Structure formats: C-alpha cells, structure tokens
Amino acid sequence: MTAAPDGGLAYGIQLPVQARSVVFAETWEAEAGPADLVEVARAADRAGFAYVACCDHVAIPRRLADAMGTTWYDPVATLAHLAAVTERVRLLSHVAVVGLRHPLLTAKQYATLDHLSGGRLLLGVGAGHVPEEFAALGVDFARRGPLLDETVDALRAALGPEEYPEHHGPVYDFAGLGQRPRPARGRVPVWVGGSSPAAVRRAATRGDGWLPQGDPRDELPAKIGTIRQLRAQAGLDGAFTVGAITEPLYVGEPSWPVGRRTLTGAPEVLAASLRAYAAMGVHQIQVRFRSRSRAELTDQMAAFGTEVAPLLG
C-alpha cells in the first residue's frame, strides 16, 4: 500500500477498546467489549478504511497504570479474530514490540495470521518504551534499538517467501528451519514506528514504510525529506509507504466539546485540511474520531468514508 487506489490518501484507524490509555481512550470504551470491537472493525470494512490497527503491550507496571491502564489486547489474537469477521480491511500491528520475542516466534504467529486472512497483514514494529516489560521478559531495555534493527532484518527474512528462512546476526542465528504456512502474498510488509532519529533511520533503511508517532504537521516534511535522502544514499528505490497520524476529527459541527485540537466541520473543510498531508508526501493517514458512544463512532466513520474520503484525491 502506498496510496488509495484512486491516487488519493489511504486512511486507517487505530481501534478503540483494545487499548485504554487515558491519552486517547473515550469514556464509553470503559464499558465496551469484544462485540463493540467487532462492530467498529466491520464499520471500517464498509467505509473503505485501508486498515484497522491494534497496539502491543505485554504488561503495564503499577507506576504507569493510572495513565496507560492495564487493558491492552494482544495484537495477534485480536487481529486474527477481526480477520474472521471482516472481508477487505487490512490488519496492522501499531506497533508490535518485536524485540520482546524471538523473531521465529513472531514470524510463526504473524505468518499464520497473514495466511488465514488472505494476505491482509501489515506488520508495524517499534522499539518499546516500558523498561519493566523488558526486564520481566529478560530483554535488555538499554539495547532495544540495536536489537530491533536486527529483529527487523530477521523478520524480513522470516516473513518472506522462503520456507527455510535464513538470518545470521549477533543475537539471532538461524537456518535450515522450515516454517509453514507462508505469508499469503509472498511476504509481509514491515512498517517501522517511531519518530526519533534512530526510528526514522530504521524505517528508511530497513522498512517498507514509516509510522510516525503523532508528529506535528510542521515537523513531518523535514523527516520525510530525511527518509528520502537516507533511502537514496542506501540505493533503495522500491515502494515505501509514508504515514501520519492526524489530529482528532469530527465530521460536521459537534454539539458537545470535542477539544480545541479537533478538526471539525463540513466534509469539504476536513478534506481540504487533510489533503495537506498528501502534499507533504504522506501516503496514508491514521484518523481518530471523537465520540461518546460506539454508535457515534461508527456514524462518524461512515460519514468520513462516504463524504470526506472521496475528496482526498
């Protein structure tokens, strides 16, 4: 995926319910459950969303629980469940902290998911930020950057077409070990998340795409320019998907306080604002809607798909 089929911006969504951080969760999500998650995924499928996304945390320490919560659904289990109840929408881990797991284990899980879903997986990966998670699993938090570099390399081999993938690195070394099923379309795209210089470098030189972490609009062009430069220096000219997370959205004029940063208004107004991302070189945007209920969220998604999305070209 580099852009929508008509050349406009592709658009995806981080799912509600599966992660309950106070930074982004709406009040209604506290009482929501699997049925709500399924309905939102189906709404995304109907409304032309490119993907639905699920986060990844193994365990949250008490010191962070007030802000982050402890509800974080497992991305493999969640996306597999949603694959079975949707038809078209792609399935994104945003982001999987793959350094916490051996790449052959990660490859087995995600290749199976991709196979079962008919090739709809997008593997988003990131370095992680919670030291206690790493300590509990016996992984060196201080070395998570270099470890992720190698893990991405290993995963690109293990999630490719070869039944017997091969990787030789300082931490992981494997060959002659067969894994089936293979990814349905030959290989799984790997998008790298993060906005630090190291993450931008990693995305440019090792990934198939970049998932920034909510960078302000005025900071995106410079980072996109850096990615282009790094890829050119490395002789990389294949398809590469640049993403962005938009401001919160509300289609129409809200009758309740949606926050000063939220973009609101008629479809033409929203589309004009969002087209600025395409002008920067962004191919896909991750949107988030303010809502007071599941019904309001799915109504917003439907309105975006039918009224805003056609204007994004």
Protein backbone atom coordinates (compact mmCIF):
# COMPACT_ATOMS: atom_id res chain seq x y z
CA MET A 1 0.00 0.00 0.00
CA THR A 2 1.36 3.39 -0.97
CA ALA A 3 -1.85 5.30 -1.55
CA ALA A 4 -5.53 4.78 -2.19
CA PRO A 5 -6.42 3.05 -5.47
CA ASP A 6 -7.57 6.38 -6.98
CA GLY A 7 -4.26 8.04 -6.10
CA GLY A 8 -5.61 9.82 -3.05
CA LEU A 9 -4.73 9.36 0.59
CA ALA A 10 -5.40 5.96 2.09
CA TYR A 11 -6.91 6.15 5.57
CA GLY A 12 -6.84 3.75 8.50
CA ILE A 13 -7.83 3.74 12.16
CA GLN A 14 -6.41 2.63 15.49
CA LEU A 15 -9.19 0.55 17.00
CA PRO A 16 -10.93 1.61 20.20
CA VAL A 17 -11.50 -0.75 23.14
CA GLN A 18 -8.29 -2.79 22.60
CA ALA A 19 -6.14 -0.17 24.37
CA ARG A 20 -7.40 2.05 27.19
CA SER A 21 -4.75 4.73 27.75
CA VAL A 22 -6.26 7.93 29.14
CA VAL A 23 -4.31 9.79 26.45
CA PHE A 24 -6.67 8.62 23.70
CA ALA A 25 -9.48 6.35 25.01
CA GLU A 26 -13.01 7.76 25.05
CA THR A 27 -15.18 7.45 28.15
CA TRP A 28 -17.58 4.94 26.58
CA GLU A 29 -14.77 2.45 25.98
CA ALA A 30 -14.52 1.62 29.69
CA GLU A 31 -17.71 -0.45 29.44
CA ALA A 32 -17.11 -1.75 25.91
CA GLY A 33 -16.00 -5.22 24.92
CA PRO A 34 -15.40 -7.65 22.06
CA ALA A 35 -18.78 -7.05 20.39
CA ASP A 36 -18.03 -3.33 20.14
CA LEU A 37 -14.59 -4.03 18.73
CA VAL A 38 -16.09 -6.28 16.06
CA GLU A 39 -18.68 -3.70 15.06
CA VAL A 40 -16.07 -0.96 14.69
CA ALA A 41 -13.89 -3.25 12.54
CA ARG A 42 -16.89 -4.09 10.36
CA ALA A 43 -17.69 -0.39 10.07
CA ALA A 44 -14.13 0.23 8.88
CA ASP A 45 -14.52 -2.57 6.33
CA ARG A 46 -17.72 -0.99 4.98
CA ALA A 47 -16.38 2.57 4.93
CA GLY A 48 -13.29 1.87 2.84
CA PHE A 49 -10.68 2.12 5.57
CA ALA A 50 -7.32 0.76 4.46
CA TYR A 51 -6.59 -0.87 7.82
CA VAL A 52 -7.59 -1.35 11.42
CA ALA A 53 -4.76 -1.25 13.95
CA CYS A 54 -4.05 -2.85 17.32
CA CYS A 55 -1.37 -1.91 19.90
CA ASP A 56 1.03 -4.17 21.81
CA HIS A 57 1.96 -4.25 25.49
CA VAL A 58 2.63 -7.40 27.49
CA ALA A 59 2.25 -5.95 30.99
CA ILE A 60 1.97 -2.45 32.48
CA PRO A 61 3.81 -1.58 35.72
CA ARG A 62 1.86 -0.01 38.55
CA ARG A 63 3.72 3.29 38.19
CA LEU A 64 2.23 3.76 34.69
CA ALA A 65 -1.17 2.16 35.19
CA ASP A 66 -3.04 5.38 36.02
CA ALA A 67 -2.08 6.87 32.65
CA MET A 68 -1.80 3.81 30.43
CA GLY A 69 -4.32 1.46 32.02
CA THR A 70 -3.71 -2.26 32.00
CA THR A 71 -6.12 -3.16 29.17
CA TRP A 72 -4.03 -3.88 26.08
CA TYR A 73 -5.35 -6.66 23.85
CA ASP A 74 -2.81 -8.98 22.25
CA PRO A 75 -2.43 -7.90 18.61
CA VAL A 76 -2.10 -11.38 17.08
CA ALA A 77 -5.19 -12.75 18.83
CA THR A 78 -7.18 -9.56 18.23
CA LEU A 79 -6.33 -9.15 14.56
CA ALA A 80 -6.95 -12.83 13.89
CA HIS A 81 -10.38 -12.54 15.49
CA LEU A 82 -11.19 -9.48 13.40
CA ALA A 83 -9.90 -11.10 10.23
CA ALA A 84 -12.64 -13.68 10.58
CA VAL A 85 -15.42 -11.08 10.78
CA THR A 86 -14.22 -8.69 8.04
CA GLU A 87 -13.59 -9.13 4.34
CA ARG A 88 -11.34 -6.46 2.90
CA VAL A 89 -9.75 -4.19 5.51
CA ARG A 90 -6.07 -4.83 6.26
CA LEU A 91 -4.77 -5.67 9.72
CA LEU A 92 -1.99 -3.56 11.23
CA SER A 93 0.01 -4.04 14.41
CA HIS A 94 0.70 -0.48 15.52
CA VAL A 95 3.09 -1.26 16.86
CA ALA A 96 4.32 -4.72 17.84
CA VAL A 97 7.27 -4.58 20.25
CA VAL A 98 9.01 -7.37 18.39
CA GLY A 99 12.25 -7.10 20.36
CA LEU A 100 10.48 -8.81 23.27
CA ARG A 101 10.16 -12.05 21.30
CA HIS A 102 12.35 -14.31 19.19
CA PRO A 103 11.82 -13.41 15.51
CA LEU A 104 10.99 -17.01 14.56
CA LEU A 105 8.18 -17.00 17.14
CA THR A 106 6.92 -13.64 15.86
CA ALA A 107 7.15 -14.89 12.27
CA LYS A 108 5.19 -18.06 13.07
CA GLN A 109 2.37 -16.07 14.66
CA TYR A 110 2.11 -13.31 12.07
CA ALA A 111 2.67 -15.54 9.01
CA THR A 112 -0.21 -17.71 10.22
CA LEU A 113 -2.36 -14.61 10.69
CA ASP A 114 -1.49 -13.38 7.21
CA HIS A 115 -2.23 -16.82 5.73
CA LEU A 116 -5.60 -17.10 7.46
CA SER A 117 -6.63 -13.57 6.48
CA GLY A 118 -5.73 -13.97 2.81
CA GLY A 119 -2.71 -11.66 2.90
CA ARG A 120 -4.18 -8.72 4.80
CA LEU A 121 -1.44 -8.27 7.41
CA LEU A 122 0.69 -5.15 7.79
CA LEU A 123 3.37 -5.66 10.43
CA GLY A 124 4.10 -2.44 12.28
CA VAL A 125 7.06 -2.67 14.65
CA GLY A 126 8.55 -0.43 17.31
CA ALA A 127 11.25 -0.32 19.97
CA GLY A 128 9.01 -0.14 23.06
CA HIS A 129 9.22 2.30 25.95
CA VAL A 130 8.41 0.45 29.20
CA PRO A 131 11.58 -0.81 30.95
CA GLU A 132 9.69 -3.12 33.29
CA GLU A 133 8.26 -5.10 30.37
CA PHE A 134 11.73 -5.78 29.06
CA ALA A 135 13.09 -6.69 32.50
CA ALA A 136 10.24 -9.13 33.14
CA LEU A 137 10.96 -10.92 29.85
CA GLY A 138 14.72 -10.90 30.29
CA VAL A 139 15.46 -8.43 27.49
CA ASP A 140 17.99 -5.59 27.83
CA PHE A 141 15.98 -2.35 27.60
CA ALA A 142 19.13 -0.26 27.06
CA ARG A 143 19.96 -2.29 23.94
CA ARG A 144 16.46 -2.27 22.48
CA GLY A 145 17.45 -0.11 19.48
CA PRO A 146 20.19 -2.36 18.07
CA LEU A 147 18.08 -5.38 18.97
CA LEU A 148 15.15 -4.01 16.96
CA ASP A 149 17.46 -3.33 13.99
CA GLU A 150 18.48 -6.97 13.91
CA THR A 151 14.97 -8.23 14.64
CA VAL A 152 13.58 -6.29 11.66
CA ASP A 153 16.24 -7.82 9.42
CA ALA A 154 15.43 -11.29 10.76
CA LEU A 155 11.70 -10.77 10.32
CA ARG A 156 12.05 -9.57 6.75
CA ALA A 157 13.72 -12.92 6.04
CA ALA A 158 11.33 -15.00 8.15
CA LEU A 159 8.21 -13.30 6.73
CA GLY A 160 9.32 -13.65 3.14
CA PRO A 161 8.54 -16.42 0.65
CA GLU A 162 11.24 -18.89 1.71
CA GLU A 163 10.08 -21.96 3.62
CA TYR A 164 13.52 -22.16 5.24
CA PRO A 165 14.44 -18.55 6.06
CA GLU A 166 17.99 -17.68 6.97
CA HIS A 167 19.46 -14.98 9.19
CA HIS A 168 22.88 -14.63 10.79
CA GLY A 169 23.35 -11.87 13.34
CA PRO A 170 24.96 -11.15 16.69
CA VAL A 171 21.82 -12.10 18.66
CA TYR A 172 19.81 -14.36 16.36
CA ASP A 173 21.24 -17.02 14.09
CA PHE A 174 19.03 -19.47 12.22
CA ALA A 175 18.97 -21.50 9.02
CA GLY A 176 17.56 -24.84 7.90
CA LEU A 177 14.38 -24.41 9.98
CA GLY A 178 11.19 -24.62 7.95
CA GLN A 179 8.04 -22.68 8.73
CA ARG A 180 4.70 -23.11 7.08
CA PRO A 181 2.23 -21.66 6.35
CA ARG A 182 4.00 -18.91 4.47
CA PRO A 183 2.56 -15.40 4.03
CA ALA A 184 -0.28 -15.46 1.53
CA ARG A 185 1.25 -12.90 -0.84
CA GLY A 186 4.86 -14.00 -0.61
CA ARG A 187 5.97 -11.52 2.03
CA VAL A 188 4.55 -9.28 4.74
CA PRO A 189 5.22 -5.51 4.56
CA VAL A 190 7.09 -4.22 7.62
CA TRP A 191 6.33 -0.65 8.70
CA VAL A 192 8.60 0.86 11.34
CA GLY A 193 7.09 3.07 14.02
CA GLY A 194 8.67 5.92 15.93
CA SER A 195 9.82 9.48 15.40
CA SER A 196 13.29 9.57 16.97
CA PRO A 197 16.28 9.92 14.62
CA ALA A 198 17.05 6.23 15.16
CA ALA A 199 13.47 5.22 14.31
CA VAL A 200 13.44 7.37 11.17
CA ARG A 201 16.76 5.82 10.07
CA ARG A 202 15.45 2.33 10.82
CA ALA A 203 12.29 2.92 8.81
CA ALA A 204 14.17 4.36 5.84
CA THR A 205 16.85 1.69 5.60
CA ARG A 206 15.13 -1.43 6.90
CA GLY A 207 11.37 -0.99 6.47
CA ASP A 208 8.71 -0.85 3.80
CA GLY A 209 7.06 2.13 5.47
CA TRP A 210 7.16 4.64 8.32
CA LEU A 211 4.61 5.09 11.11
CA PRO A 212 5.35 8.37 12.89
CA GLN A 213 4.08 8.78 16.43
CA GLY A 214 1.86 11.84 16.21
CA ASP A 215 4.42 14.33 14.90
CA PRO A 216 3.03 17.87 14.44
CA ARG A 217 2.38 18.73 10.82
CA ASP A 218 5.18 21.25 10.63
CA GLU A 219 7.75 18.60 11.61
CA LEU A 220 6.76 16.00 9.03
CA PRO A 221 8.28 17.47 5.85
CA ALA A 222 11.81 17.52 7.27
CA LYS A 223 11.55 13.93 8.44
CA ILE A 224 10.09 12.79 5.14
CA GLY A 225 12.99 14.54 3.43
CA THR A 226 15.43 12.70 5.69
CA ILE A 227 13.83 9.38 4.80
CA ARG A 228 14.11 10.10 1.09
CA GLN A 229 17.75 11.09 1.50
CA LEU A 230 18.62 8.00 3.53
CA ARG A 231 16.93 5.70 1.05
CA ALA A 232 18.69 7.34 -1.87
CA GLN A 233 22.06 7.01 -0.12
CA ALA A 234 21.36 3.33 0.51
CA GLY A 235 20.31 2.75 -3.11
CA LEU A 236 16.76 1.83 -2.11
CA ASP A 237 14.13 2.71 -4.71
CA GLY A 238 11.30 0.26 -4.01
CA ALA A 239 7.81 1.12 -2.83
CA PHE A 240 7.77 2.85 0.55
CA THR A 241 4.68 3.98 2.47
CA VAL A 242 4.85 7.19 4.49
CA GLY A 243 2.20 7.52 7.18
CA ALA A 244 0.92 10.22 9.51
CA ILE A 245 -1.42 10.39 12.49
CA THR A 246 -3.90 13.22 12.04
CA GLU A 247 -5.45 15.49 14.58
CA PRO A 248 -8.69 14.17 16.13
CA LEU A 249 -11.62 14.59 13.74
CA TYR A 250 -15.35 15.19 13.91
CA VAL A 251 -17.37 15.23 10.69
CA GLY A 252 -19.90 18.06 10.94
CA GLU A 253 -20.49 20.57 13.71
CA PRO A 254 -20.37 18.87 17.14
CA SER A 255 -22.94 19.72 19.80
CA TRP A 256 -20.52 18.87 22.59
CA PRO A 257 -16.94 19.90 23.47
CA VAL A 258 -14.58 17.83 21.33
CA GLY A 259 -11.35 19.64 22.24
CA ARG A 260 -9.62 22.61 20.68
CA ARG A 261 -7.23 20.49 18.58
CA THR A 262 -10.05 18.55 16.92
CA LEU A 263 -10.68 19.29 13.25
CA THR A 264 -14.41 19.79 12.73
CA GLY A 265 -16.71 20.99 10.00
CA ALA A 266 -18.17 20.10 6.66
CA PRO A 267 -16.59 17.32 4.58
CA GLU A 268 -15.04 19.87 2.23
CA VAL A 269 -13.35 21.65 5.14
CA LEU A 270 -11.93 18.45 6.60
CA ALA A 271 -10.76 17.15 3.23
CA ALA A 272 -9.02 20.42 2.39
CA SER A 273 -7.11 20.24 5.67
CA LEU A 274 -6.19 16.57 5.26
CA ARG A 275 -5.01 16.98 1.67
CA ALA A 276 -2.09 18.93 3.11
CA TYR A 277 -0.66 15.61 4.27
CA ALA A 278 -0.56 14.31 0.70
CA ALA A 279 1.21 17.48 -0.39
CA MET A 280 3.96 16.68 2.13
CA GLY A 281 4.50 13.23 0.66
CA VAL A 282 2.28 11.22 3.01
CA HIS A 283 0.56 8.15 1.53
CA GLN A 284 -1.68 7.02 4.37
CA ILE A 285 -3.23 8.83 7.33
CA GLN A 286 -4.38 7.30 10.58
CA VAL A 287 -7.53 9.07 11.71
CA ARG A 288 -9.23 9.21 15.09
CA PHE A 289 -12.77 10.43 15.72
CA ARG A 290 -14.10 11.99 18.90
CA SER A 291 -17.16 10.07 20.06
CA ARG A 292 -19.45 9.48 23.06
CA SER A 293 -20.62 6.00 22.07
CA ARG A 294 -19.90 3.18 19.67
CA ALA A 295 -22.82 4.30 17.54
CA GLU A 296 -21.46 7.83 17.25
CA LEU A 297 -18.05 6.47 16.31
CA THR A 298 -19.36 4.19 13.58
CA ASP A 299 -21.59 7.01 12.28
CA GLN A 300 -18.52 9.24 12.10
CA MET A 301 -16.58 6.54 10.27
CA ALA A 302 -19.39 6.06 7.77
CA ALA A 303 -19.66 9.80 7.16
CA PHE A 304 -15.92 10.05 6.64
CA GLY A 305 -15.93 7.17 4.17
CA THR A 306 -18.80 8.47 2.08
CA GLU A 307 -18.41 12.25 2.38
CA VAL A 308 -14.76 13.07 3.16
CA ALA A 309 -12.69 10.26 1.62
CA PRO A 310 -13.84 10.92 -1.99
CA LEU A 311 -12.44 14.45 -1.64
CA LEU A 312 -8.95 13.32 -0.56
CA GLY A 313 -7.64 12.63 -4.06
